[in-house]
């Protein structure tokens, strides 16, 4: 195997960043693992990085020729923070950038959609990963996993809408190919699992695998917004409830062959993920 240059992985302790860093190092690639506290990551060089502290940016970029970009979490205008950094990255010698976006956000769309639109003009080699909802939303530190564990209930405003939920391990596997293949994708990639599932399907699968009854309780958009607003700012709660409403209207009812095409293997099923990861009540 020909070793590539050095990849700066931003968010290297997060859901996709951690998996991407791990898969890169396992394949023998050099990685600078960026996080706010420069948390040690096996096989990688830890480096301090904070989107909001430009003083951390030059050292993080030093020696890197490619970068995996996780936008600043919860930032309503990520372009204002990210574009100056990306210009600096290009000047520092970064040739390839892979951006994590969302299947719900097209190029030129809100928030990270603006960064997506700018990326091809900044870098000659690029890709934008647009995954559907993460399967890990039901097994990690997420509101759904808490309500499943504490109440045995999934609360949504998605009605019968279906989603092509995707395993974060598969997102990372595509990220590794996009970062290290000789030819960059130079496009955006919509990533899904192998099947589109409703939240009723999700509840049934969790019940079957864990033996603990889980129900999907259907809320209206307003009820979902108000429930989320007890934990989040109202504006953000309205956005999330609106995403549920879009699912109800069929916006995420699709599957793609991207994982198979880029990695050479089929994406993992939700049931396989549950059997591997879910430890409800454990």
C-alpha atoms as a PDB file:
ATOM      1  CA  UNK A   1       0.000   0.000   0.000  1.00  0.00           C
ATOM      2  CA  UNK A   2       1.213   3.474  -0.826  1.00  0.00           C
ATOM      3  CA  UNK A   3       1.000   5.711   2.217  1.00  0.00           C
ATOM      4  CA  UNK A   4      -0.670   9.019   1.549  1.00  0.00           C
ATOM      5  CA  UNK A   5       0.366  12.303   3.130  1.00  0.00           C
ATOM      6  CA  UNK A   6      -0.941  13.472   6.482  1.00  0.00           C
ATOM      7  CA  UNK A   7      -4.649  13.928   7.208  1.00  0.00           C
ATOM      8  CA  UNK A   8      -5.865  16.447   9.765  1.00  0.00           C
ATOM      9  CA  UNK A   9      -9.039  14.951  11.262  1.00  0.00           C
ATOM     10  CA  UNK A  10     -11.121  17.650  12.939  1.00  0.00           C
ATOM     11  CA  UNK A  11     -13.452  16.325  15.604  1.00  0.00           C
ATOM     12  CA  UNK A  12     -11.243  13.276  16.066  1.00  0.00           C
ATOM     13  CA  UNK A  13     -13.037  12.264  19.260  1.00  0.00           C
ATOM     14  CA  UNK A  14     -16.547  12.534  17.756  1.00  0.00           C
ATOM     15  CA  UNK A  15     -18.961  10.082  16.173  1.00  0.00           C
ATOM     16  CA  UNK A  16     -17.544  10.101  12.633  1.00  0.00           C
ATOM     17  CA  UNK A  17     -14.204  11.829  13.292  1.00  0.00           C
ATOM     18  CA  UNK A  18     -13.122   9.211  15.824  1.00  0.00           C
ATOM     19  CA  UNK A  19     -14.029   6.362  13.502  1.00  0.00           C
ATOM     20  CA  UNK A  20     -12.346   8.058  10.540  1.00  0.00           C
ATOM     21  CA  UNK A  21      -9.121   8.609  12.505  1.00  0.00           C
ATOM     22  CA  UNK A  22      -9.167   4.987  13.696  1.00  0.00           C
ATOM     23  CA  UNK A  23      -9.739   3.565  10.205  1.00  0.00           C
ATOM     24  CA  UNK A  24      -7.036   5.799   8.693  1.00  0.00           C
ATOM     25  CA  UNK A  25      -4.401   4.808  11.248  1.00  0.00           C
ATOM     26  CA  UNK A  26      -5.375   1.127  10.998  1.00  0.00           C
ATOM     27  CA  UNK A  27      -4.681   1.346   7.253  1.00  0.00           C
ATOM     28  CA  UNK A  28      -1.247   2.879   7.872  1.00  0.00           C
ATOM     29  CA  UNK A  29      -2.030   6.520   7.076  1.00  0.00           C
ATOM     30  CA  UNK A  30      -0.569   9.422   9.058  1.00  0.00           C
ATOM     31  CA  UNK A  31      -3.161  11.308  11.081  1.00  0.00           C
ATOM     32  CA  UNK A  32      -3.214  14.490  13.113  1.00  0.00           C
ATOM     33  CA  UNK A  33      -6.121  14.007  15.518  1.00  0.00           C
ATOM     34  CA  UNK A  34      -7.617  17.396  16.319  1.00  0.00           C
ATOM     35  CA  UNK A  35      -9.786  18.068  19.358  1.00  0.00           C
ATOM     36  CA  UNK A  36     -10.166  20.916  21.815  1.00  0.00           C
ATOM     37  CA  UNK A  37      -8.069  19.179  24.460  1.00  0.00           C
ATOM     38  CA  UNK A  38      -5.667  17.370  22.113  1.00  0.00           C
ATOM     39  CA  UNK A  39      -7.079  14.089  23.431  1.00  0.00           C
ATOM     40  CA  UNK A  40      -4.761  11.119  22.714  1.00  0.00           C
ATOM     41  CA  UNK A  41      -5.933   8.939  19.818  1.00  0.00           C
ATOM     42  CA  UNK A  42      -4.250   5.565  19.203  1.00  0.00           C
ATOM     43  CA  UNK A  43      -1.793   5.688  16.320  1.00  0.00           C
ATOM     44  CA  UNK A  44      -2.288   9.404  15.665  1.00  0.00           C
ATOM     45  CA  UNK A  45      -0.599  12.669  16.616  1.00  0.00           C
ATOM     46  CA  UNK A  46      -2.966  14.563  18.943  1.00  0.00           C
ATOM     47  CA  UNK A  47      -3.254  18.285  18.293  1.00  0.00           C
ATOM     48  CA  UNK A  48      -5.284  21.035  19.970  1.00  0.00           C
ATOM     49  CA  UNK A  49      -7.936  22.596  17.723  1.00  0.00           C
ATOM     50  CA  UNK A  50     -10.840  24.911  18.417  1.00  0.00           C
ATOM     51  CA  UNK A  51     -12.871  26.417  15.577  1.00  0.00           C
ATOM     52  CA  UNK A  52     -13.335  29.555  17.687  1.00  0.00           C
ATOM     53  CA  UNK A  53      -9.652  29.959  18.606  1.00  0.00           C
ATOM     54  CA  UNK A  54      -7.668  30.842  15.448  1.00  0.00           C
ATOM     55  CA  UNK A  55      -4.447  30.627  17.474  1.00  0.00           C
ATOM     56  CA  UNK A  56      -4.830  26.807  17.408  1.00  0.00           C
ATOM     57  CA  UNK A  57      -5.165  26.611  13.619  1.00  0.00           C
ATOM     58  CA  UNK A  58      -1.582  27.003  12.297  1.00  0.00           C
ATOM     59  CA  UNK A  59      -0.104  24.187  14.403  1.00  0.00           C
ATOM     60  CA  UNK A  60      -3.004  21.888  13.509  1.00  0.00           C
ATOM     61  CA  UNK A  61      -2.473  22.525   9.797  1.00  0.00           C
ATOM     62  CA  UNK A  62       1.314  22.188   9.905  1.00  0.00           C
ATOM     63  CA  UNK A  63       2.360  19.271   7.703  1.00  0.00           C
ATOM     64  CA  UNK A  64      -1.176  18.274   6.680  1.00  0.00           C
ATOM     65  CA  UNK A  65      -2.065  17.941   2.991  1.00  0.00           C
ATOM     66  CA  UNK A  66      -5.661  16.780   3.468  1.00  0.00           C
ATOM     67  CA  UNK A  67      -8.370  17.501   6.026  1.00  0.00           C
ATOM     68  CA  UNK A  68     -11.589  15.940   7.281  1.00  0.00           C
ATOM     69  CA  UNK A  69     -13.945  18.725   8.289  1.00  0.00           C
ATOM     70  CA  UNK A  70     -16.571  18.457  11.010  1.00  0.00           C
ATOM     71  CA  UNK A  71     -18.396  21.812  11.231  1.00  0.00           C
ATOM     72  CA  UNK A  72     -18.601  23.556  14.608  1.00  0.00           C
ATOM     73  CA  UNK A  73     -21.515  21.952  16.445  1.00  0.00           C
ATOM     74  CA  UNK A  74     -24.679  24.001  16.784  1.00  0.00           C
ATOM     75  CA  UNK A  75     -23.234  26.944  14.861  1.00  0.00           C
ATOM     76  CA  UNK A  76     -25.993  28.659  12.812  1.00  0.00           C
ATOM     77  CA  UNK A  77     -23.493  30.281  10.417  1.00  0.00           C
ATOM     78  CA  UNK A  78     -20.576  27.840  10.061  1.00  0.00           C
ATOM     79  CA  UNK A  79     -19.318  29.512   6.873  1.00  0.00           C
ATOM     80  CA  UNK A  80     -18.262  32.598   8.837  1.00  0.00           C
ATOM     81  CA  UNK A  81     -16.029  30.402  11.010  1.00  0.00           C
ATOM     82  CA  UNK A  82     -14.954  27.795   8.453  1.00  0.00           C
ATOM     83  CA  UNK A  83     -14.184  29.733   5.266  1.00  0.00           C
ATOM     84  CA  UNK A  84     -11.293  31.788   6.734  1.00  0.00           C
ATOM     85  CA  UNK A  85      -9.818  28.546   8.092  1.00  0.00           C
ATOM     86  CA  UNK A  86     -10.199  26.809   4.718  1.00  0.00           C
ATOM     87  CA  UNK A  87      -8.423  29.661   2.964  1.00  0.00           C
ATOM     88  CA  UNK A  88      -5.641  29.357   5.530  1.00  0.00           C
ATOM     89  CA  UNK A  89      -5.555  25.588   5.001  1.00  0.00           C
ATOM     90  CA  UNK A  90      -5.119  25.991   1.259  1.00  0.00           C
ATOM     91  CA  UNK A  91      -2.294  28.481   1.801  1.00  0.00           C
ATOM     92  CA  UNK A  92      -0.660  26.029   4.248  1.00  0.00           C
ATOM     93  CA  UNK A  93      -0.552  23.247   1.629  1.00  0.00           C
ATOM     94  CA  UNK A  94      -3.808  21.326   2.114  1.00  0.00           C
ATOM     95  CA  UNK A  95      -4.780  19.933  -1.294  1.00  0.00           C
ATOM     96  CA  UNK A  96      -7.821  17.817  -0.456  1.00  0.00           C
ATOM     97  CA  UNK A  97     -10.790  18.529   1.810  1.00  0.00           C
ATOM     98  CA  UNK A  98     -13.642  16.213   2.783  1.00  0.00           C
ATOM     99  CA  UNK A  99     -16.585  17.912   4.494  1.00  0.00           C
ATOM    100  CA  UNK A 100     -19.257  16.270   6.649  1.00  0.00           C
ATOM    101  CA  UNK A 101     -22.661  17.737   5.809  1.00  0.00           C
ATOM    102  CA  UNK A 102     -26.134  16.166   5.790  1.00  0.00           C
ATOM    103  CA  UNK A 103     -28.478  14.521   3.314  1.00  0.00           C
ATOM    104  CA  UNK A 104     -31.006  17.209   4.291  1.00  0.00           C
ATOM    105  CA  UNK A 105     -28.747  20.100   3.187  1.00  0.00           C
ATOM    106  CA  UNK A 106     -27.871  20.610  -0.520  1.00  0.00           C
ATOM    107  CA  UNK A 107     -25.052  22.735  -1.887  1.00  0.00           C
ATOM    108  CA  UNK A 108     -25.957  26.366  -1.301  1.00  0.00           C
ATOM    109  CA  UNK A 109     -28.509  25.382   1.347  1.00  0.00           C
ATOM    110  CA  UNK A 110     -28.609  26.722   4.891  1.00  0.00           C
ATOM    111  CA  UNK A 111     -25.763  26.470   7.414  1.00  0.00           C
ATOM    112  CA  UNK A 112     -23.042  24.092   6.115  1.00  0.00           C
ATOM    113  CA  UNK A 113     -24.587  24.216   2.619  1.00  0.00           C
ATOM    114  CA  UNK A 114     -22.735  27.495   2.098  1.00  0.00           C
ATOM    115  CA  UNK A 115     -19.404  25.804   2.914  1.00  0.00           C
ATOM    116  CA  UNK A 116     -20.311  22.939   0.557  1.00  0.00           C
ATOM    117  CA  UNK A 117     -20.879  25.436  -2.239  1.00  0.00           C
ATOM    118  CA  UNK A 118     -17.488  27.112  -1.646  1.00  0.00           C
ATOM    119  CA  UNK A 119     -15.390  23.937  -1.334  1.00  0.00           C
ATOM    120  CA  UNK A 120     -14.743  23.172  -5.058  1.00  0.00           C
ATOM    121  CA  UNK A 121     -13.325  26.659  -5.629  1.00  0.00           C
ATOM    122  CA  UNK A 122     -11.001  26.329  -2.643  1.00  0.00           C
ATOM    123  CA  UNK A 123      -9.537  22.874  -3.271  1.00  0.00           C
ATOM    124  CA  UNK A 124      -8.712  20.960  -6.436  1.00  0.00           C
ATOM    125  CA  UNK A 125      -9.578  17.696  -4.665  1.00  0.00           C
ATOM    126  CA  UNK A 126     -12.714  17.521  -2.544  1.00  0.00           C
ATOM    127  CA  UNK A 127     -15.804  15.653  -1.432  1.00  0.00           C
ATOM    128  CA  UNK A 128     -18.877  16.451   0.630  1.00  0.00           C
ATOM    129  CA  UNK A 129     -20.369  13.572   2.621  1.00  0.00           C
ATOM    130  CA  UNK A 130     -24.127  13.932   3.022  1.00  0.00           C
ATOM    131  CA  UNK A 131     -25.186  11.076   5.304  1.00  0.00           C
ATOM    132  CA  UNK A 132     -28.746  10.374   6.286  1.00  0.00           C
ATOM    133  CA  UNK A 133     -29.600  10.165   9.994  1.00  0.00           C
ATOM    134  CA  UNK A 134     -27.071   8.162  12.052  1.00  0.00           C
ATOM    135  CA  UNK A 135     -28.036   4.756  13.392  1.00  0.00           C
ATOM    136  CA  UNK A 136     -25.977   5.747  16.447  1.00  0.00           C
ATOM    137  CA  UNK A 137     -28.734   8.232  17.355  1.00  0.00           C
ATOM    138  CA  UNK A 138     -30.410   5.241  19.008  1.00  0.00           C
ATOM    139  CA  UNK A 139     -27.338   3.857  20.779  1.00  0.00           C
ATOM    140  CA  UNK A 140     -25.094   6.816  21.652  1.00  0.00           C
ATOM    141  CA  UNK A 141     -25.411   9.936  23.797  1.00  0.00           C
ATOM    142  CA  UNK A 142     -28.518  11.193  22.026  1.00  0.00           C
ATOM    143  CA  UNK A 143     -32.024  12.218  23.094  1.00  0.00           C
ATOM    144  CA  UNK A 144     -33.544   9.173  21.369  1.00  0.00           C
ATOM    145  CA  UNK A 145     -31.284   6.744  23.221  1.00  0.00           C
ATOM    146  CA  UNK A 146     -32.135   8.442  26.538  1.00  0.00           C
ATOM    147  CA  UNK A 147     -35.908   8.224  25.986  1.00  0.00           C
ATOM    148  CA  UNK A 148     -35.566   4.607  24.832  1.00  0.00           C
ATOM    149  CA  UNK A 149     -33.572   3.734  27.949  1.00  0.00           C
ATOM    150  CA  UNK A 150     -35.602   5.782  30.452  1.00  0.00           C
ATOM    151  CA  UNK A 151     -39.149   5.474  29.069  1.00  0.00           C
ATOM    152  CA  UNK A 152     -39.139   2.735  26.432  1.00  0.00           C
ATOM    153  CA  UNK A 153     -40.466   5.362  24.018  1.00  0.00           C
ATOM    154  CA  UNK A 154     -39.334   6.996  20.779  1.00  0.00           C
ATOM    155  CA  UNK A 155     -40.948  10.439  20.443  1.00  0.00           C
ATOM    156  CA  UNK A 156     -41.098  11.885  16.904  1.00  0.00           C
ATOM    157  CA  UNK A 157     -43.211  13.920  14.512  1.00  0.00           C
ATOM    158  CA  UNK A 158     -42.179  11.703  11.587  1.00  0.00           C
ATOM    159  CA  UNK A 159     -45.543   9.848  11.268  1.00  0.00           C
ATOM    160  CA  UNK A 160     -44.999   6.955   8.777  1.00  0.00           C
ATOM    161  CA  UNK A 161     -41.996   8.649   7.125  1.00  0.00           C
ATOM    162  CA  UNK A 162     -38.991   6.478   6.398  1.00  0.00           C
ATOM    163  CA  UNK A 163     -35.269   7.209   6.700  1.00  0.00           C
ATOM    164  CA  UNK A 164     -32.250   5.454   5.166  1.00  0.00           C
ATOM    165  CA  UNK A 165     -30.435   5.383   8.528  1.00  0.00           C
ATOM    166  CA  UNK A 166     -26.667   4.882   8.120  1.00  0.00           C
ATOM    167  CA  UNK A 167     -23.998   3.404  10.406  1.00  0.00           C
ATOM    168  CA  UNK A 168     -21.302   5.920  11.402  1.00  0.00           C
ATOM    169  CA  UNK A 169     -18.709   3.202  10.682  1.00  0.00           C
ATOM    170  CA  UNK A 170     -19.852   3.249   7.052  1.00  0.00           C
ATOM    171  CA  UNK A 171     -19.651   7.052   6.929  1.00  0.00           C
ATOM    172  CA  UNK A 172     -16.067   6.797   8.182  1.00  0.00           C
ATOM    173  CA  UNK A 173     -15.228   4.101   5.633  1.00  0.00           C
ATOM    174  CA  UNK A 174     -16.411   6.381   2.817  1.00  0.00           C
ATOM    175  CA  UNK A 175     -14.490   9.296   4.368  1.00  0.00           C
ATOM    176  CA  UNK A 176     -11.289   7.236   4.317  1.00  0.00           C
ATOM    177  CA  UNK A 177     -11.732   6.443   0.622  1.00  0.00           C
ATOM    178  CA  UNK A 178     -12.562  10.063  -0.183  1.00  0.00           C
ATOM    179  CA  UNK A 179      -9.445  11.203   1.680  1.00  0.00           C
ATOM    180  CA  UNK A 180      -6.966   8.605   0.415  1.00  0.00           C
ATOM    181  CA  UNK A 181      -8.007   7.294  -3.015  1.00  0.00           C
ATOM    182  CA  UNK A 182      -5.706   8.470  -5.777  1.00  0.00           C
ATOM    183  CA  UNK A 183      -8.630  10.279  -7.403  1.00  0.00           C
ATOM    184  CA  UNK A 184     -10.836  12.350  -5.105  1.00  0.00           C
ATOM    185  CA  UNK A 185     -14.607  12.046  -5.622  1.00  0.00           C
ATOM    186  CA  UNK A 186     -14.887  15.785  -6.470  1.00  0.00           C
ATOM    187  CA  UNK A 187     -18.642  15.617  -5.811  1.00  0.00           C
ATOM    188  CA  UNK A 188     -21.138  15.286  -2.991  1.00  0.00           C
ATOM    189  CA  UNK A 189     -22.072  11.815  -1.802  1.00  0.00           C
ATOM    190  CA  UNK A 190     -25.437  10.965  -0.239  1.00  0.00           C
ATOM    191  CA  UNK A 191     -24.861   8.098   2.221  1.00  0.00           C
ATOM    192  CA  UNK A 192     -27.580   5.758   3.486  1.00  0.00           C
ATOM    193  CA  UNK A 193     -27.910   2.314   4.930  1.00  0.00           C
ATOM    194  CA  UNK A 194     -29.345  -0.573   2.880  1.00  0.00           C
ATOM    195  CA  UNK A 195     -32.999   0.065   3.761  1.00  0.00           C
ATOM    196  CA  UNK A 196     -35.355   2.928   4.550  1.00  0.00           C
ATOM    197  CA  UNK A 197     -37.028   2.423   7.929  1.00  0.00           C
ATOM    198  CA  UNK A 198     -39.883   4.154   9.737  1.00  0.00           C
ATOM    199  CA  UNK A 199     -39.607   4.921  13.442  1.00  0.00           C
ATOM    200  CA  UNK A 200     -42.175   2.146  13.982  1.00  0.00           C
ATOM    201  CA  UNK A 201     -39.655  -0.194  12.291  1.00  0.00           C
ATOM    202  CA  UNK A 202     -36.881   1.146  14.540  1.00  0.00           C
ATOM    203  CA  UNK A 203     -38.933   0.554  17.692  1.00  0.00           C
ATOM    204  CA  UNK A 204     -39.779  -2.989  16.569  1.00  0.00           C
ATOM    205  CA  UNK A 205     -36.125  -3.810  15.836  1.00  0.00           C
ATOM    206  CA  UNK A 206     -34.950  -2.508  19.217  1.00  0.00           C
ATOM    207  CA  UNK A 207     -37.695  -4.515  20.952  1.00  0.00           C
ATOM    208  CA  UNK A 208     -36.737  -7.671  19.060  1.00  0.00           C
ATOM    209  CA  UNK A 209     -32.986  -7.391  19.678  1.00  0.00           C
ATOM    210  CA  UNK A 210     -33.035  -6.220  23.302  1.00  0.00           C
ATOM    211  CA  UNK A 211     -36.158  -7.957  24.550  1.00  0.00           C
ATOM    212  CA  UNK A 212     -37.321  -4.667  26.067  1.00  0.00           C
ATOM    213  CA  UNK A 213     -40.534  -3.182  24.694  1.00  0.00           C
ATOM    214  CA  UNK A 214     -40.007   0.104  22.855  1.00  0.00           C
ATOM    215  CA  UNK A 215     -42.874   2.107  21.349  1.00  0.00           C
ATOM    216  CA  UNK A 216     -42.952   4.910  18.794  1.00  0.00           C
ATOM    217  CA  UNK A 217     -45.182   7.728  20.050  1.00  0.00           C
ATOM    218  CA  UNK A 218     -46.339  10.118  17.325  1.00  0.00           C
ATOM    219  CA  UNK A 219     -46.408  13.829  18.064  1.00  0.00           C
ATOM    220  CA  UNK A 220     -47.503  16.784  15.991  1.00  0.00           C
ATOM    221  CA  UNK A 221     -44.878  19.240  14.790  1.00  0.00           C
ATOM    222  CA  UNK A 222     -45.903  21.685  17.554  1.00  0.00           C
ATOM    223  CA  UNK A 223     -45.821  19.007  20.259  1.00  0.00           C
ATOM    224  CA  UNK A 224     -42.363  17.854  19.124  1.00  0.00           C
ATOM    225  CA  UNK A 225     -41.061  21.424  18.994  1.00  0.00           C
ATOM    226  CA  UNK A 226     -42.331  22.142  22.501  1.00  0.00           C
ATOM    227  CA  UNK A 227     -40.917  18.884  23.872  1.00  0.00           C
ATOM    228  CA  UNK A 228     -37.476  19.661  22.417  1.00  0.00           C
ATOM    229  CA  UNK A 229     -37.696  23.266  23.653  1.00  0.00           C
ATOM    230  CA  UNK A 230     -37.517  21.993  27.237  1.00  0.00           C
ATOM    231  CA  UNK A 231     -33.918  20.923  26.494  1.00  0.00           C
ATOM    232  CA  UNK A 232     -32.830  23.231  23.636  1.00  0.00           C
ATOM    233  CA  UNK A 233     -33.216  26.851  22.490  1.00  0.00           C
ATOM    234  CA  UNK A 234     -36.616  27.318  20.835  1.00  0.00           C
ATOM    235  CA  UNK A 235     -35.113  28.225  17.438  1.00  0.00           C
ATOM    236  CA  UNK A 236     -33.061  25.009  17.346  1.00  0.00           C
ATOM    237  CA  UNK A 237     -36.018  22.953  18.636  1.00  0.00           C
ATOM    238  CA  UNK A 238     -38.139  24.316  15.784  1.00  0.00           C
ATOM    239  CA  UNK A 239     -35.463  23.332  13.241  1.00  0.00           C
ATOM    240  CA  UNK A 240     -35.252  19.767  14.594  1.00  0.00           C
ATOM    241  CA  UNK A 241     -39.034  19.393  14.694  1.00  0.00           C
ATOM    242  CA  UNK A 242     -39.105  20.707  11.127  1.00  0.00           C
ATOM    243  CA  UNK A 243     -36.682  17.943  10.124  1.00  0.00           C
ATOM    244  CA  UNK A 244     -39.127  15.412  11.553  1.00  0.00           C
ATOM    245  CA  UNK A 245     -41.913  17.016   9.524  1.00  0.00           C
ATOM    246  CA  UNK A 246     -39.762  16.744   6.380  1.00  0.00           C
ATOM    247  CA  UNK A 247     -39.270  13.027   7.109  1.00  0.00           C
ATOM    248  CA  UNK A 248     -43.049  12.646   7.440  1.00  0.00           C
ATOM    249  CA  UNK A 249     -43.354  14.232   3.992  1.00  0.00           C
ATOM    250  CA  UNK A 250     -40.892  11.707   2.477  1.00  0.00           C
ATOM    251  CA  UNK A 251     -37.722  13.825   2.247  1.00  0.00           C
ATOM    252  CA  UNK A 252     -35.447  11.028   3.539  1.00  0.00           C
ATOM    253  CA  UNK A 253     -37.219   7.999   2.030  1.00  0.00           C
ATOM    254  CA  UNK A 254     -34.373   6.786  -0.186  1.00  0.00           C
ATOM    255  CA  UNK A 255     -31.389   4.476  -0.317  1.00  0.00           C
ATOM    256  CA  UNK A 256     -28.194   4.977  -2.306  1.00  0.00           C
ATOM    257  CA  UNK A 257     -25.400   2.656  -3.456  1.00  0.00           C
ATOM    258  CA  UNK A 258     -22.635   5.050  -2.342  1.00  0.00           C
ATOM    259  CA  UNK A 259     -21.258   2.944   0.522  1.00  0.00           C
ATOM    260  CA  UNK A 260     -21.130  -0.180  -1.672  1.00  0.00           C
ATOM    261  CA  UNK A 261     -19.612   1.750  -4.582  1.00  0.00           C
ATOM    262  CA  UNK A 262     -16.832   3.429  -2.596  1.00  0.00           C
ATOM    263  CA  UNK A 263     -15.966   0.721  -0.069  1.00  0.00           C
ATOM    264  CA  UNK A 264     -16.711  -2.431  -2.066  1.00  0.00           C
ATOM    265  CA  UNK A 265     -19.018  -3.835   0.605  1.00  0.00           C
ATOM    266  CA  UNK A 266     -22.689  -3.329   1.438  1.00  0.00           C
ATOM    267  CA  UNK A 267     -23.685  -0.902   4.193  1.00  0.00           C
ATOM    268  CA  UNK A 268     -24.557  -2.427   7.533  1.00  0.00           C
ATOM    269  CA  UNK A 269     -28.163  -3.005   8.538  1.00  0.00           C
ATOM    270  CA  UNK A 270     -29.752  -1.420  11.597  1.00  0.00           C
ATOM    271  CA  UNK A 271     -30.317  -4.833  13.154  1.00  0.00           C
ATOM    272  CA  UNK A 272     -26.614  -5.676  12.761  1.00  0.00           C
ATOM    273  CA  UNK A 273     -25.699  -2.408  14.453  1.00  0.00           C
ATOM    274  CA  UNK A 274     -28.047  -3.124  17.360  1.00  0.00           C
ATOM    275  CA  UNK A 275     -26.569  -6.566  17.851  1.00  0.00           C
ATOM    276  CA  UNK A 276     -23.082  -5.016  17.902  1.00  0.00           C
ATOM    277  CA  UNK A 277     -23.626  -1.856  19.929  1.00  0.00           C
ATOM    278  CA  UNK A 278     -26.847  -1.574  21.855  1.00  0.00           C
ATOM    279  CA  UNK A 279     -26.571  -2.208  25.560  1.00  0.00           C
ATOM    280  CA  UNK A 280     -29.874  -0.941  26.912  1.00  0.00           C
ATOM    281  CA  UNK A 281     -30.019  -1.227  30.648  1.00  0.00           C
ATOM    282  CA  UNK A 282     -26.556  -2.727  30.691  1.00  0.00           C
END
